[in-house]
Protein backbone atom coordinates (compact mmCIF):
# COMPACT_ATOMS: atom_id res chain seq x y z
CA MET A 1 102.41 79.03 147.68
CA GLN A 2 105.02 81.08 149.79
CA TRP A 3 106.11 84.51 148.62
CA LYS A 4 109.09 86.36 150.03
CA PHE A 5 111.13 89.66 149.57
CA ARG A 6 114.80 89.03 151.17
CA ASP A 7 113.97 87.60 154.63
CA LYS A 8 110.27 88.80 154.95
CA SER A 9 107.43 86.67 154.11
CA ALA A 10 104.18 88.06 152.58
CA THR A 11 100.66 87.26 154.05
CA ILE A 12 98.44 85.33 151.40
CA THR A 13 94.95 85.75 152.03
CA GLY A 14 92.84 84.09 148.83
CA THR A 15 94.32 85.97 145.84
CA TYR A 16 95.78 88.93 147.65
CA ILE A 17 99.24 88.55 148.61
CA LYS A 18 100.40 91.93 151.16
CA ILE A 19 103.82 92.84 152.54
CA THR A 20 105.34 95.82 154.16
CA LEU A 21 109.17 96.09 153.84
CA PRO A 22 111.63 98.29 155.69
CA PHE A 23 111.82 102.13 155.31
CA GLY A 24 114.13 102.90 152.72
CA THR A 25 113.42 99.83 150.67
CA ALA A 26 113.54 100.53 146.80
CA ILE A 27 110.30 98.65 145.37
CA SER A 28 110.49 100.07 141.83
CA SER A 29 113.12 97.30 141.16
CA ILE A 30 112.96 94.20 143.40
CA ALA A 31 113.02 90.18 143.01
CA ALA A 32 110.65 87.83 144.95
CA THR A 33 111.14 84.35 146.08
CA VAL A 34 108.36 82.44 145.30
CA LYS A 35 107.94 78.51 146.20
CA LEU A 36 104.75 76.76 144.11
CA SER A 37 103.40 73.58 144.02
CA SER A 38 104.88 70.75 141.82
CA GLN A 39 104.53 71.63 138.21
CA ALA A 40 102.85 74.93 138.76
CA THR A 41 104.24 78.04 136.62
CA ILE A 42 103.91 81.55 137.42
CA SER A 43 104.23 84.78 134.77
CA PRO A 44 105.73 87.22 135.11
CA ASN A 45 108.58 85.78 136.69
CA PRO A 46 108.86 87.30 140.25
CA ALA A 47 112.54 86.18 140.38
CA SER A 48 113.32 88.91 137.94
CA ASN A 49 113.56 92.40 139.10
CA ASN A 50 109.60 93.69 139.22
CA ASN A 51 108.29 97.20 139.70
CA TYR A 52 105.92 97.20 142.88
CA THR A 53 105.31 100.77 143.10
CA ASN A 54 101.55 99.77 142.33
CA PRO A 55 99.91 96.51 143.07
CA LYS A 56 101.20 93.85 140.64
CA ASN A 57 99.45 90.78 139.06
CA PHE A 58 100.82 87.50 138.48
CA THR A 59 98.92 84.58 136.79
CA VAL A 60 99.84 81.14 138.54
CA THR A 61 99.37 78.09 136.35
CA ALA A 62 98.39 74.78 137.96
CA GLY A 63 100.29 71.72 136.90
CA ASP A 64 97.55 70.52 134.66
CA GLY A 65 98.59 73.27 132.14
CA THR A 66 95.05 74.86 132.00
CA THR A 67 93.76 75.95 135.30
CA THR A 68 94.92 79.55 136.28
CA LYS A 69 94.65 81.82 139.04
CA THR A 70 95.61 85.35 139.18
CA TYR A 71 97.25 86.82 142.25
CA THR A 72 97.72 90.55 143.24
CA VAL A 73 100.97 91.55 144.96
CA THR A 74 100.67 94.71 146.96
CA VAL A 75 103.91 95.89 148.73
CA THR A 76 104.24 98.98 151.02
CA VAL A 77 107.42 100.43 152.59
CA GLU A 78 107.35 101.40 156.31
CA LYS A 79 107.42 105.34 156.87
CA LYS A 80 110.23 107.00 158.22
CA GLU A 81 109.88 107.53 162.10
């Protein structure tokens, strides 16, 4: 799996996805680009604008249609220097 916000790639460790975005990025309504394995699906849709002001859970369903895994995405914004 790959998870990106604009041109920034997130770090994925187990079921935790973390990324720090530049100062001034509005994370209350932002879309992500996600690449999954063939036939896998994800909910809710990360390509839609989502609110990341708090950690957000996404459920990935494998291509078999029954195996699921929940990922927690945490987005932080760099502090102003």
